[in-house]
Amino acid sequence: MNKYVYRRISAFLIDIFLVTFISTIFSSISYVNPFIGNYKVAYDEYREIYKSESESVLTNPTIKNVVDYSNKMSKQIYKIDYSMLFNNIYYLVFSFLYFVLFAYFTNGQTLGKKLFKLRVVRQDGEKVKLSNLMLRTFLSGSSIFMGVNIIVVIQLLLLMISQNQVYFYAILFSSMISYVIEIIGLVLLFSKEHRSLDDIIGSTKVIDEVKYV
């Protein structure tokens, strides 16, 4: 594997861990997350339905049984995701604060990129602008797991839909699109220019500062 690509992926894993860790800790505080107790209830209900009805569906997979089971499970999935509404909101907030504002005031470097001596600059090599970083972060802020933020935004919008079946299939479809985006992003990252999809969208590139020393 190209050392530059390895370092870039490693930097992103550190960054995404920090954002996820901080947002998870923050969303676990009951004062700022009124839905904190709903997740366990929704998940326990999901497990009960799965245990009590999944076997009967497998042994007798009639259309009626499958449809009934699907309706019940999609309803519980909706409940679980709705109970994590604030978790997703805080994830987006901290993603913006870290990948956009923090990176802007540190001249294109997150903690992960600083550790691996990488820096985001504009395509022409000039200092990155706030608008560039915002466009990059819309696709998750780095090279892999691209589409994460898009999925979170879509999920938040779809949670406003009370039809559980619509929500379930819409999330399934959007997740498939996200996987396609991830594959495209990785392919581009391994290309000659090493500009991933978020670089193209944000009109940026990630420079290797080791070469500039």
N, C-alpha and C. Protein backbone atom coordinates (compact mmCIF):
# COMPACT_ATOMS: atom_id res chain seq x y z
N MET A 1 0.84 -1.20 0.00
CA MET A 1 0.00 0.00 0.00
C MET A 1 0.88 1.25 0.00
N ASN A 2 0.51 2.23 -0.80
CA ASN A 2 1.23 3.50 -0.84
C ASN A 2 1.29 4.10 0.57
N LYS A 3 2.50 4.51 0.99
CA LYS A 3 2.65 5.03 2.36
C LYS A 3 1.78 6.26 2.60
N TYR A 4 1.67 7.10 1.59
CA TYR A 4 0.84 8.29 1.73
C TYR A 4 -0.61 7.91 1.99
N VAL A 5 -1.13 6.95 1.24
CA VAL A 5 -2.52 6.51 1.40
C VAL A 5 -2.70 5.88 2.78
N TYR A 6 -1.75 5.08 3.20
CA TYR A 6 -1.80 4.46 4.52
C TYR A 6 -1.88 5.51 5.62
N ARG A 7 -1.05 6.53 5.52
CA ARG A 7 -1.04 7.60 6.52
C ARG A 7 -2.33 8.40 6.49
N ARG A 8 -2.85 8.61 5.30
CA ARG A 8 -4.09 9.38 5.19
C ARG A 8 -5.28 8.63 5.80
N ILE A 9 -5.36 7.34 5.54
CA ILE A 9 -6.43 6.53 6.12
C ILE A 9 -6.26 6.46 7.64
N SER A 10 -5.03 6.30 8.11
CA SER A 10 -4.76 6.24 9.56
C SER A 10 -5.16 7.55 10.24
N ALA A 11 -4.86 8.67 9.59
CA ALA A 11 -5.22 9.98 10.15
C ALA A 11 -6.72 10.11 10.27
N PHE A 12 -7.44 9.64 9.24
CA PHE A 12 -8.89 9.73 9.28
C PHE A 12 -9.48 8.85 10.38
N LEU A 13 -8.93 7.65 10.56
CA LEU A 13 -9.45 6.76 11.60
C LEU A 13 -9.31 7.39 12.98
N ILE A 14 -8.19 8.08 13.20
CA ILE A 14 -8.00 8.79 14.47
C ILE A 14 -9.03 9.90 14.61
N ASP A 15 -9.21 10.67 13.55
CA ASP A 15 -10.14 11.80 13.59
C ASP A 15 -11.58 11.35 13.82
N ILE A 16 -12.00 10.31 13.09
CA ILE A 16 -13.38 9.87 13.21
C ILE A 16 -13.63 9.23 14.57
N PHE A 17 -12.58 8.60 15.14
CA PHE A 17 -12.71 8.05 16.49
C PHE A 17 -12.92 9.18 17.50
N LEU A 18 -12.16 10.26 17.37
CA LEU A 18 -12.29 11.39 18.29
C LEU A 18 -13.68 12.01 18.22
N VAL A 19 -14.17 12.23 16.99
CA VAL A 19 -15.49 12.84 16.82
C VAL A 19 -16.58 11.93 17.37
N THR A 20 -16.49 10.64 17.05
CA THR A 20 -17.49 9.68 17.53
C THR A 20 -17.46 9.56 19.04
N PHE A 21 -16.26 9.52 19.61
CA PHE A 21 -16.12 9.37 21.06
C PHE A 21 -16.71 10.58 21.79
N ILE A 22 -16.35 11.77 21.33
CA ILE A 22 -16.84 12.99 21.99
C ILE A 22 -18.35 13.12 21.85
N SER A 23 -18.88 12.87 20.66
CA SER A 23 -20.32 12.99 20.46
C SER A 23 -21.09 11.94 21.26
N THR A 24 -20.51 10.74 21.39
CA THR A 24 -21.15 9.68 22.18
C THR A 24 -21.18 10.04 23.65
N ILE A 25 -20.07 10.55 24.16
CA ILE A 25 -20.02 10.98 25.57
C ILE A 25 -21.03 12.09 25.82
N PHE A 26 -21.07 13.05 24.91
CA PHE A 26 -21.97 14.19 25.07
C PHE A 26 -23.42 13.75 25.03
N SER A 27 -23.76 12.85 24.11
CA SER A 27 -25.15 12.41 23.97
C SER A 27 -25.59 11.46 25.07
N SER A 28 -24.63 10.98 25.87
CA SER A 28 -24.98 10.10 26.99
C SER A 28 -25.36 10.89 28.25
N ILE A 29 -25.28 12.21 28.16
CA ILE A 29 -25.66 13.06 29.30
C ILE A 29 -27.16 13.35 29.21
N SER A 30 -27.88 12.97 30.21
CA SER A 30 -29.35 13.06 30.18
C SER A 30 -29.84 14.50 30.04
N TYR A 31 -29.07 15.47 30.54
CA TYR A 31 -29.50 16.87 30.48
C TYR A 31 -29.56 17.40 29.05
N VAL A 32 -28.76 16.84 28.17
CA VAL A 32 -28.73 17.32 26.79
C VAL A 32 -29.30 16.29 25.81
N ASN A 33 -29.76 15.16 26.33
CA ASN A 33 -30.35 14.13 25.48
C ASN A 33 -31.61 13.57 26.14
N PRO A 34 -32.76 14.17 25.86
CA PRO A 34 -34.01 13.74 26.49
C PRO A 34 -34.46 12.34 26.08
N PHE A 35 -33.87 11.77 25.03
CA PHE A 35 -34.26 10.45 24.55
C PHE A 35 -33.34 9.34 25.06
N ILE A 36 -32.46 9.67 25.99
CA ILE A 36 -31.42 8.74 26.40
C ILE A 36 -31.99 7.43 26.95
N GLY A 37 -33.15 7.49 27.61
CA GLY A 37 -33.74 6.28 28.18
C GLY A 37 -34.57 5.48 27.20
N ASN A 38 -34.87 6.06 26.06
CA ASN A 38 -35.74 5.39 25.09
C ASN A 38 -35.04 4.28 24.32
N TYR A 39 -33.73 4.41 24.15
CA TYR A 39 -33.00 3.43 23.35
C TYR A 39 -33.08 2.03 23.94
N LYS A 40 -32.84 1.90 25.24
CA LYS A 40 -32.86 0.57 25.87
C LYS A 40 -34.23 -0.07 25.73
N VAL A 41 -35.28 0.72 25.94
CA VAL A 41 -36.64 0.21 25.83
C VAL A 41 -36.91 -0.29 24.41
N ALA A 42 -36.55 0.54 23.43
CA ALA A 42 -36.78 0.19 22.03
C ALA A 42 -35.96 -1.04 21.63
N TYR A 43 -34.73 -1.09 22.10
CA TYR A 43 -33.86 -2.23 21.74
C TYR A 43 -34.34 -3.52 22.39
N ASP A 44 -34.79 -3.45 23.63
CA ASP A 44 -35.33 -4.64 24.31
C ASP A 44 -36.57 -5.16 23.59
N GLU A 45 -37.43 -4.25 23.15
CA GLU A 45 -38.62 -4.65 22.39
C GLU A 45 -38.22 -5.32 21.08
N TYR A 46 -37.20 -4.77 20.43
CA TYR A 46 -36.69 -5.34 19.17
C TYR A 46 -36.19 -6.76 19.40
N ARG A 47 -35.45 -6.99 20.45
CA ARG A 47 -34.92 -8.32 20.75
C ARG A 47 -36.03 -9.31 21.06
N GLU A 48 -37.05 -8.85 21.77
CA GLU A 48 -38.17 -9.74 22.10
C GLU A 48 -38.90 -10.20 20.85
N ILE A 49 -39.16 -9.28 19.94
CA ILE A 49 -39.84 -9.63 18.68
C ILE A 49 -38.97 -10.57 17.86
N TYR A 50 -37.69 -10.28 17.82
CA TYR A 50 -36.76 -11.12 17.05
C TYR A 50 -36.73 -12.54 17.60
N LYS A 51 -36.65 -12.68 18.93
CA LYS A 51 -36.58 -14.00 19.54
C LYS A 51 -37.88 -14.78 19.38
N SER A 52 -38.99 -14.09 19.57
CA SER A 52 -40.28 -14.77 19.59
C SER A 52 -40.84 -15.10 18.20
N GLU A 53 -40.44 -14.32 17.18
CA GLU A 53 -41.10 -14.48 15.88
C GLU A 53 -40.17 -14.84 14.72
N SER A 54 -38.88 -14.67 14.87
CA SER A 54 -37.98 -14.96 13.74
C SER A 54 -37.96 -16.44 13.39
N GLU A 55 -38.00 -17.30 14.39
CA GLU A 55 -37.96 -18.74 14.12
C GLU A 55 -39.20 -19.21 13.39
N SER A 56 -40.36 -18.69 13.81
CA SER A 56 -41.61 -19.09 13.16
C SER A 56 -41.66 -18.64 11.70
N VAL A 57 -41.05 -17.49 11.40
CA VAL A 57 -41.01 -17.00 10.03
C VAL A 57 -40.11 -17.89 9.18
N LEU A 58 -38.99 -18.33 9.76
CA LEU A 58 -38.06 -19.20 9.03
C LEU A 58 -38.66 -20.57 8.77
N THR A 59 -39.40 -21.09 9.74
CA THR A 59 -39.99 -22.41 9.58
C THR A 59 -41.27 -22.38 8.74
N ASN A 60 -41.95 -21.25 8.74
CA ASN A 60 -43.19 -21.13 7.96
C ASN A 60 -43.19 -19.79 7.22
N PRO A 61 -42.36 -19.67 6.19
CA PRO A 61 -42.19 -18.37 5.50
C PRO A 61 -43.30 -18.04 4.51
N THR A 62 -44.52 -17.97 5.01
CA THR A 62 -45.62 -17.55 4.14
C THR A 62 -45.55 -16.05 3.92
N ILE A 63 -46.23 -15.58 2.88
CA ILE A 63 -46.21 -14.15 2.58
C ILE A 63 -46.77 -13.34 3.74
N LYS A 64 -47.84 -13.82 4.33
CA LYS A 64 -48.46 -13.11 5.46
C LYS A 64 -47.50 -13.02 6.65
N ASN A 65 -46.85 -14.14 6.98
CA ASN A 65 -45.92 -14.13 8.12
C ASN A 65 -44.74 -13.20 7.87
N VAL A 66 -44.20 -13.25 6.68
CA VAL A 66 -43.05 -12.41 6.34
C VAL A 66 -43.43 -10.93 6.38
N VAL A 67 -44.61 -10.59 5.83
CA VAL A 67 -45.05 -9.19 5.82
C VAL A 67 -45.30 -8.70 7.24
N ASP A 68 -45.97 -9.53 8.06
CA ASP A 68 -46.25 -9.14 9.46
C ASP A 68 -44.95 -8.94 10.23
N TYR A 69 -44.02 -9.86 10.02
CA TYR A 69 -42.73 -9.77 10.71
C TYR A 69 -41.96 -8.53 10.25
N SER A 70 -41.98 -8.27 8.96
CA SER A 70 -41.30 -7.10 8.42
C SER A 70 -41.89 -5.81 8.98
N ASN A 71 -43.21 -5.76 9.08
CA ASN A 71 -43.87 -4.56 9.62
C ASN A 71 -43.47 -4.31 11.07
N LYS A 72 -43.45 -5.38 11.86
CA LYS A 72 -43.09 -5.24 13.27
C LYS A 72 -41.63 -4.83 13.45
N MET A 73 -40.77 -5.45 12.68
CA MET A 73 -39.34 -5.16 12.80
C MET A 73 -39.01 -3.75 12.32
N SER A 74 -39.64 -3.33 11.22
CA SER A 74 -39.38 -1.98 10.71
C SER A 74 -39.87 -0.93 11.70
N LYS A 75 -40.96 -1.24 12.40
CA LYS A 75 -41.48 -0.32 13.42
C LYS A 75 -40.47 -0.17 14.56
N GLN A 76 -39.87 -1.29 14.97
CA GLN A 76 -38.90 -1.25 16.06
C GLN A 76 -37.60 -0.59 15.63
N ILE A 77 -37.19 -0.81 14.39
CA ILE A 77 -35.99 -0.14 13.88
C ILE A 77 -36.20 1.37 13.86
N TYR A 78 -37.39 1.78 13.48
CA TYR A 78 -37.73 3.20 13.49
C TYR A 78 -37.63 3.75 14.92
N LYS A 79 -38.15 3.00 15.89
CA LYS A 79 -38.11 3.43 17.29
C LYS A 79 -36.67 3.56 17.78
N ILE A 80 -35.85 2.57 17.43
CA ILE A 80 -34.44 2.60 17.86
C ILE A 80 -33.73 3.81 17.27
N ASP A 81 -33.91 4.03 15.97
CA ASP A 81 -33.25 5.17 15.31
C ASP A 81 -33.76 6.50 15.84
N TYR A 82 -35.06 6.55 16.14
CA TYR A 82 -35.63 7.80 16.67
C TYR A 82 -35.08 8.10 18.07
N SER A 83 -34.85 7.04 18.84
CA SER A 83 -34.29 7.24 20.19
C SER A 83 -32.85 7.74 20.13
N MET A 84 -32.20 7.57 18.95
CA MET A 84 -30.83 8.03 18.76
C MET A 84 -30.77 9.35 17.99
N LEU A 85 -31.89 10.04 17.94
CA LEU A 85 -31.98 11.30 17.20
C LEU A 85 -30.92 12.30 17.64
N PHE A 86 -30.79 12.49 18.96
CA PHE A 86 -29.83 13.47 19.46
C PHE A 86 -28.39 12.98 19.29
N ASN A 87 -28.20 11.67 19.34
CA ASN A 87 -26.86 11.14 19.07
C ASN A 87 -26.38 11.57 17.69
N ASN A 88 -27.26 11.44 16.70
CA ASN A 88 -26.90 11.81 15.33
C ASN A 88 -26.72 13.32 15.17
N ILE A 89 -27.56 14.08 15.86
CA ILE A 89 -27.45 15.53 15.78
C ILE A 89 -26.10 15.98 16.35
N TYR A 90 -25.73 15.44 17.49
CA TYR A 90 -24.45 15.81 18.10
C TYR A 90 -23.27 15.34 17.26
N TYR A 91 -23.43 14.19 16.60
CA TYR A 91 -22.36 13.72 15.72
C TYR A 91 -22.13 14.72 14.59
N LEU A 92 -23.20 15.22 13.99
CA LEU A 92 -23.06 16.20 12.92
C LEU A 92 -22.47 17.51 13.44
N VAL A 93 -22.90 17.92 14.62
CA VAL A 93 -22.40 19.16 15.21
C VAL A 93 -20.89 19.07 15.45
N PHE A 94 -20.45 17.98 16.09
CA PHE A 94 -19.02 17.84 16.38
C PHE A 94 -18.20 17.59 15.12
N SER A 95 -18.81 16.95 14.11
CA SER A 95 -18.12 16.80 12.83
C SER A 95 -17.84 18.16 12.22
N PHE A 96 -18.84 19.04 12.27
CA PHE A 96 -18.68 20.39 11.74
C PHE A 96 -17.63 21.17 12.53
N LEU A 97 -17.72 21.10 13.85
CA LEU A 97 -16.77 21.84 14.70
C LEU A 97 -15.33 21.36 14.47
N TYR A 98 -15.17 20.06 14.30
CA TYR A 98 -13.83 19.50 14.19
C TYR A 98 -13.27 19.57 12.78
N PHE A 99 -14.01 19.02 11.82
CA PHE A 99 -13.50 18.94 10.45
C PHE A 99 -13.57 20.27 9.69
N VAL A 100 -14.41 21.18 10.17
CA VAL A 100 -14.54 22.47 9.48
C VAL A 100 -13.85 23.59 10.28
N LEU A 101 -14.40 23.93 11.43
CA LEU A 101 -13.88 25.07 12.19
C LEU A 101 -12.48 24.81 12.74
N PHE A 102 -12.30 23.67 13.40
CA PHE A 102 -10.97 23.36 13.96
C PHE A 102 -9.93 23.29 12.86
N ALA A 103 -10.25 22.58 11.78
CA ALA A 103 -9.31 22.43 10.67
C ALA A 103 -9.01 23.77 10.01
N TYR A 104 -10.01 24.65 9.97
CA TYR A 104 -9.81 25.96 9.34
C TYR A 104 -8.82 26.80 10.16
N PHE A 105 -8.99 26.82 11.47
CA PHE A 105 -8.14 27.64 12.31
C PHE A 105 -6.75 27.02 12.55
N THR A 106 -6.59 25.76 12.17
CA THR A 106 -5.26 25.13 12.25
C THR A 106 -4.67 24.98 10.84
N ASN A 107 -5.20 25.79 9.91
CA ASN A 107 -4.67 25.84 8.55
C ASN A 107 -4.70 24.48 7.84
N GLY A 108 -5.89 23.83 7.93
CA GLY A 108 -6.11 22.60 7.18
C GLY A 108 -5.64 21.32 7.84
N GLN A 109 -5.42 21.37 9.15
CA GLN A 109 -4.97 20.17 9.85
C GLN A 109 -5.92 19.78 10.98
N THR A 110 -6.31 18.51 11.00
CA THR A 110 -6.96 17.94 12.16
C THR A 110 -5.86 17.31 13.01
N LEU A 111 -6.21 16.76 14.16
CA LEU A 111 -5.19 16.13 15.01
C LEU A 111 -4.58 14.92 14.31
N GLY A 112 -5.43 14.16 13.61
CA GLY A 112 -4.93 13.00 12.89
C GLY A 112 -3.97 13.40 11.77
N LYS A 113 -4.33 14.43 11.03
CA LYS A 113 -3.47 14.89 9.93
C LYS A 113 -2.17 15.50 10.46
N LYS A 114 -2.26 16.17 11.58
CA LYS A 114 -1.04 16.75 12.17
C LYS A 114 -0.08 15.63 12.61
N LEU A 115 -0.65 14.58 13.19
CA LEU A 115 0.17 13.45 13.65
C LEU A 115 0.90 12.79 12.48
N PHE A 116 0.22 12.70 11.33
CA PHE A 116 0.82 12.03 10.17
C PHE A 116 1.37 13.02 9.14
N LYS A 117 1.52 14.26 9.57
CA LYS A 117 2.15 15.32 8.74
C LYS A 117 1.44 15.48 7.38
N LEU A 118 0.13 15.66 7.47
CA LEU A 118 -0.69 15.91 6.29
C LEU A 118 -1.42 17.23 6.48
N ARG A 119 -1.82 17.85 5.37
CA ARG A 119 -2.54 19.11 5.47
C ARG A 119 -3.47 19.28 4.26
N VAL A 120 -4.67 19.79 4.54
CA VAL A 120 -5.62 20.07 3.47
C VAL A 120 -5.37 21.46 2.93
N VAL A 121 -5.21 21.56 1.62
CA VAL A 121 -5.05 22.86 0.96
C VAL A 121 -6.00 22.91 -0.23
N ARG A 122 -6.15 24.09 -0.80
CA ARG A 122 -6.96 24.19 -2.01
C ARG A 122 -6.26 23.48 -3.16
N GLN A 123 -7.00 23.23 -4.21
CA GLN A 123 -6.45 22.51 -5.36
C GLN A 123 -5.24 23.22 -5.96
N ASP A 124 -5.23 24.57 -5.85
CA ASP A 124 -4.11 25.33 -6.40
C ASP A 124 -2.94 25.44 -5.41
N GLY A 125 -3.06 24.80 -4.25
CA GLY A 125 -1.99 24.80 -3.27
C GLY A 125 -2.09 25.90 -2.24
N GLU A 126 -3.07 26.81 -2.38
CA GLU A 126 -3.23 27.91 -1.44
C GLU A 126 -3.97 27.44 -0.17
N LYS A 127 -3.99 28.32 0.83
CA LYS A 127 -4.64 27.99 2.10
C LYS A 127 -6.10 27.66 1.88
N VAL A 128 -6.55 26.60 2.55
CA VAL A 128 -7.92 26.14 2.39
C VAL A 128 -8.92 27.15 2.97
N LYS A 129 -10.05 27.29 2.31
CA LYS A 129 -11.10 28.20 2.77
C LYS A 129 -12.15 27.43 3.56
N LEU A 130 -12.95 28.19 4.30
CA LEU A 130 -14.02 27.58 5.10
C LEU A 130 -15.01 26.85 4.19
N SER A 131 -15.31 27.43 3.04
CA SER A 131 -16.26 26.80 2.12
C SER A 131 -15.74 25.47 1.60
N ASN A 132 -14.42 25.38 1.37
CA ASN A 132 -13.82 24.12 0.93
C ASN A 132 -14.02 23.02 1.97
N LEU A 133 -13.77 23.37 3.22
CA LEU A 133 -13.88 22.40 4.30
C LEU A 133 -15.32 21.98 4.53
N MET A 134 -16.25 22.90 4.35
CA MET A 134 -17.67 22.57 4.52
C MET A 134 -18.11 21.57 3.46
N LEU A 135 -17.68 21.76 2.23
CA LEU A 135 -18.03 20.83 1.17
C LEU A 135 -17.40 19.46 1.41
N ARG A 136 -16.15 19.43 1.87
CA ARG A 136 -15.49 18.16 2.17
C ARG A 136 -16.22 17.42 3.28
N THR A 137 -16.60 18.13 4.33
CA THR A 137 -17.22 17.51 5.49
C THR A 137 -18.60 16.97 5.17
N PHE A 138 -19.26 17.54 4.18
CA PHE A 138 -20.56 17.02 3.78
C PHE A 138 -20.45 15.56 3.35
N LEU A 139 -19.27 15.18 2.86
CA LEU A 139 -19.04 13.78 2.47
C LEU A 139 -18.27 13.01 3.54
N SER A 140 -18.26 13.56 4.76
CA SER A 140 -17.69 12.90 5.93
C SER A 140 -16.30 13.35 6.31
N GLY A 141 -15.69 14.24 5.57
CA GLY A 141 -14.46 14.86 6.03
C GLY A 141 -13.18 14.16 5.67
N SER A 142 -13.23 13.01 5.03
CA SER A 142 -11.98 12.37 4.65
C SER A 142 -12.21 11.28 3.62
N SER A 143 -11.28 10.36 3.54
CA SER A 143 -11.18 9.47 2.38
C SER A 143 -12.03 8.22 2.43
N ILE A 144 -12.28 7.69 3.62
CA ILE A 144 -13.04 6.45 3.72
C ILE A 144 -14.28 6.68 4.57
N PHE A 145 -15.14 5.70 4.55
CA PHE A 145 -16.45 5.82 5.21
C PHE A 145 -17.18 7.04 4.69
N MET A 146 -16.95 7.34 3.42
CA MET A 146 -17.58 8.52 2.84
C MET A 146 -19.08 8.28 2.73
N GLY A 147 -19.83 9.33 2.89
CA GLY A 147 -21.27 9.20 2.84
C GLY A 147 -21.89 9.08 4.22
N VAL A 148 -21.05 8.98 5.27
CA VAL A 148 -21.58 8.85 6.63
C VAL A 148 -22.46 10.04 6.99
N ASN A 149 -21.94 11.24 6.77
CA ASN A 149 -22.72 12.43 7.11
C ASN A 149 -23.97 12.56 6.25
N ILE A 150 -23.87 12.15 5.00
CA ILE A 150 -25.04 12.20 4.13
C ILE A 150 -26.13 11.29 4.67
N ILE A 151 -25.74 10.08 5.07
CA ILE A 151 -26.70 9.12 5.62
C ILE A 151 -27.34 9.66 6.90
N VAL A 152 -26.54 10.27 7.75
CA VAL A 152 -27.06 10.82 9.00
C VAL A 152 -28.08 11.93 8.72
N VAL A 153 -27.77 12.80 7.78
CA VAL A 153 -28.70 13.87 7.42
C VAL A 153 -29.99 13.30 6.85
N ILE A 154 -29.86 12.34 5.94
CA ILE A 154 -31.05 11.70 5.36
C ILE A 154 -31.88 11.01 6.43
N GLN A 155 -31.19 10.35 7.36
CA GLN A 155 -31.88 9.65 8.43
C GLN A 155 -32.67 10.62 9.31
N LEU A 156 -32.07 11.75 9.64
CA LEU A 156 -32.76 12.74 10.46
C LEU A 156 -34.01 13.27 9.75
N LEU A 157 -33.89 13.48 8.44
CA LEU A 157 -35.05 13.96 7.67
C LEU A 157 -36.14 12.91 7.59
N LEU A 158 -35.74 11.66 7.39
CA LEU A 158 -36.71 10.58 7.26
C LEU A 158 -37.40 10.24 8.57
N LEU A 159 -36.76 10.54 9.69
CA LEU A 159 -37.37 10.28 10.99
C LEU A 159 -38.62 11.12 11.21
N MET A 160 -38.77 12.15 10.40
CA MET A 160 -39.97 12.97 10.48
C MET A 160 -41.15 12.29 9.78
N ILE A 161 -40.86 11.20 9.07
CA ILE A 161 -41.92 10.44 8.40
C ILE A 161 -42.44 9.39 9.36
N SER A 162 -43.72 9.39 9.60
CA SER A 162 -44.31 8.47 10.57
C SER A 162 -44.51 7.07 10.01
N GLN A 163 -44.42 6.90 8.68
CA GLN A 163 -44.60 5.59 8.07
C GLN A 163 -43.33 4.77 8.21
N ASN A 164 -43.37 3.78 9.08
CA ASN A 164 -42.17 3.01 9.40
C ASN A 164 -41.60 2.27 8.20
N GLN A 165 -42.48 1.74 7.37
CA GLN A 165 -42.03 0.99 6.20
C GLN A 165 -41.28 1.89 5.23
N VAL A 166 -41.81 3.09 5.03
CA VAL A 166 -41.16 4.06 4.14
C VAL A 166 -39.77 4.38 4.67
N TYR A 167 -39.68 4.62 5.95
CA TYR A 167 -38.40 4.94 6.59
C TYR A 167 -37.41 3.78 6.41
N PHE A 168 -37.86 2.57 6.69
CA PHE A 168 -36.98 1.40 6.64
C PHE A 168 -36.37 1.22 5.25
N TYR A 169 -37.19 1.25 4.22
CA TYR A 169 -36.70 1.01 2.87
C TYR A 169 -35.90 2.20 2.33
N ALA A 170 -36.26 3.40 2.76
CA ALA A 170 -35.51 4.58 2.33
C ALA A 170 -34.10 4.57 2.91
N ILE A 171 -33.97 4.18 4.18
CA ILE A 171 -32.66 4.08 4.82
C ILE A 171 -31.84 2.96 4.18
N LEU A 172 -32.50 1.86 3.86
CA LEU A 172 -31.81 0.75 3.20
C LEU A 172 -31.24 1.19 1.86
N PHE A 173 -32.04 1.92 1.10
CA PHE A 173 -31.62 2.39 -0.22
C PHE A 173 -30.48 3.41 -0.12
N SER A 174 -30.62 4.36 0.82
CA SER A 174 -29.59 5.38 0.99
C SER A 174 -28.27 4.78 1.48
N SER A 175 -28.36 3.71 2.28
CA SER A 175 -27.14 3.04 2.75
C SER A 175 -26.40 2.38 1.59
N MET A 176 -27.16 1.81 0.66
CA MET A 176 -26.55 1.19 -0.52
C MET A 176 -25.82 2.25 -1.35
N ILE A 177 -26.43 3.44 -1.46
CA ILE A 177 -25.79 4.53 -2.18
C ILE A 177 -24.49 4.94 -1.48
N SER A 178 -24.54 4.94 -0.15
CA SER A 178 -23.35 5.30 0.63
C SER A 178 -22.20 4.34 0.38
N TYR A 179 -22.50 3.05 0.25
CA TYR A 179 -21.45 2.06 -0.02
C TYR A 179 -20.81 2.31 -1.38
N VAL A 180 -21.64 2.68 -2.35
CA VAL A 180 -21.12 3.00 -3.67
C VAL A 180 -20.18 4.19 -3.59
N ILE A 181 -20.57 5.21 -2.82
CA ILE A 181 -19.74 6.40 -2.64
C ILE A 181 -18.41 6.03 -1.99
N GLU A 182 -18.45 5.11 -1.01
CA GLU A 182 -17.22 4.69 -0.34
C GLU A 182 -16.26 4.02 -1.31
N ILE A 183 -16.80 3.16 -2.16
CA ILE A 183 -15.96 2.45 -3.14
C ILE A 183 -15.33 3.44 -4.11
N ILE A 184 -16.14 4.39 -4.59
CA ILE A 184 -15.62 5.41 -5.51
C ILE A 184 -14.53 6.23 -4.83
N GLY A 185 -14.77 6.59 -3.57
CA GLY A 185 -13.80 7.38 -2.82
C GLY A 185 -12.47 6.67 -2.66
N LEU A 186 -12.51 5.37 -2.36
CA LEU A 186 -11.27 4.62 -2.18
C LEU A 186 -10.54 4.43 -3.50
N VAL A 187 -11.28 4.18 -4.58
CA VAL A 187 -10.67 4.02 -5.89
C VAL A 187 -9.93 5.30 -6.28
N LEU A 188 -10.58 6.44 -6.07
CA LEU A 188 -9.96 7.72 -6.41
C LEU A 188 -8.74 7.99 -5.54
N LEU A 189 -8.81 7.58 -4.27
CA LEU A 189 -7.69 7.81 -3.36
C LEU A 189 -6.45 7.04 -3.81
N PHE A 190 -6.64 5.89 -4.41
CA PHE A 190 -5.52 5.08 -4.88
C PHE A 190 -5.09 5.45 -6.30
N SER A 191 -5.75 6.46 -6.87
CA SER A 191 -5.37 6.90 -8.21
C SER A 191 -4.05 7.67 -8.17
N LYS A 192 -3.56 8.07 -9.30
CA LYS A 192 -2.26 8.73 -9.40
C LYS A 192 -2.21 10.04 -8.62
N GLU A 193 -3.29 10.81 -8.68
CA GLU A 193 -3.32 12.12 -8.00
C GLU A 193 -3.68 12.01 -6.53
N HIS A 194 -4.18 10.86 -6.09
CA HIS A 194 -4.58 10.64 -4.70
C HIS A 194 -5.60 11.67 -4.20
N ARG A 195 -6.46 12.11 -5.11
CA ARG A 195 -7.53 13.04 -4.71
C ARG A 195 -8.83 12.25 -4.59
N SER A 196 -9.33 12.13 -3.36
CA SER A 196 -10.55 11.38 -3.14
C SER A 196 -11.77 12.20 -3.53
N LEU A 197 -12.93 11.61 -3.39
CA LEU A 197 -14.16 12.26 -3.82
C LEU A 197 -14.42 13.55 -3.06
N ASP A 198 -14.09 13.56 -1.78
CA ASP A 198 -14.30 14.78 -1.00
C ASP A 198 -13.34 15.89 -1.43
N ASP A 199 -12.15 15.52 -1.92
CA ASP A 199 -11.22 16.51 -2.48
C ASP A 199 -11.80 17.13 -3.74
N ILE A 200 -12.37 16.29 -4.59
CA ILE A 200 -12.96 16.78 -5.84
C ILE A 200 -14.14 17.69 -5.55
N ILE A 201 -15.02 17.28 -4.64
CA ILE A 201 -16.18 18.09 -4.29
C ILE A 201 -15.77 19.41 -3.65
N GLY A 202 -14.77 19.36 -2.77
CA GLY A 202 -14.33 20.55 -2.05
C GLY A 202 -13.25 21.35 -2.74
N SER A 203 -12.83 20.92 -3.94
CA SER A 203 -11.74 21.58 -4.68
C SER A 203 -10.49 21.70 -3.81
N THR A 204 -10.12 20.57 -3.20
CA THR A 204 -8.95 20.54 -2.31
C THR A 204 -8.04 19.38 -2.68
N LYS A 205 -6.91 19.33 -1.98
CA LYS A 205 -6.03 18.17 -2.01
C LYS A 205 -5.34 18.09 -0.66
N VAL A 206 -4.85 16.92 -0.33
CA VAL A 206 -4.15 16.72 0.94
C VAL A 206 -2.68 16.55 0.63
N ILE A 207 -1.88 17.50 1.09
CA ILE A 207 -0.45 17.47 0.79
C ILE A 207 0.31 16.69 1.86
N ASP A 208 1.40 16.09 1.43
CA ASP A 208 2.31 15.35 2.31
C ASP A 208 3.40 16.32 2.74
N GLU A 209 3.35 16.76 4.00
CA GLU A 209 4.29 17.77 4.47
C GLU A 209 5.71 17.23 4.59
N VAL A 210 5.87 15.91 4.62
CA VAL A 210 7.21 15.34 4.70
C VAL A 210 8.02 15.73 3.47
N LYS A 211 7.36 15.80 2.33
CA LYS A 211 8.02 16.16 1.08
C LYS A 211 8.39 17.64 1.00
N TYR A 212 7.76 18.42 1.91
CA TYR A 212 7.99 19.88 1.86
C TYR A 212 9.01 20.34 2.90
N VAL A 213 9.53 19.39 3.68
CA VAL A 213 10.51 19.75 4.72
C VAL A 213 11.89 19.88 4.10
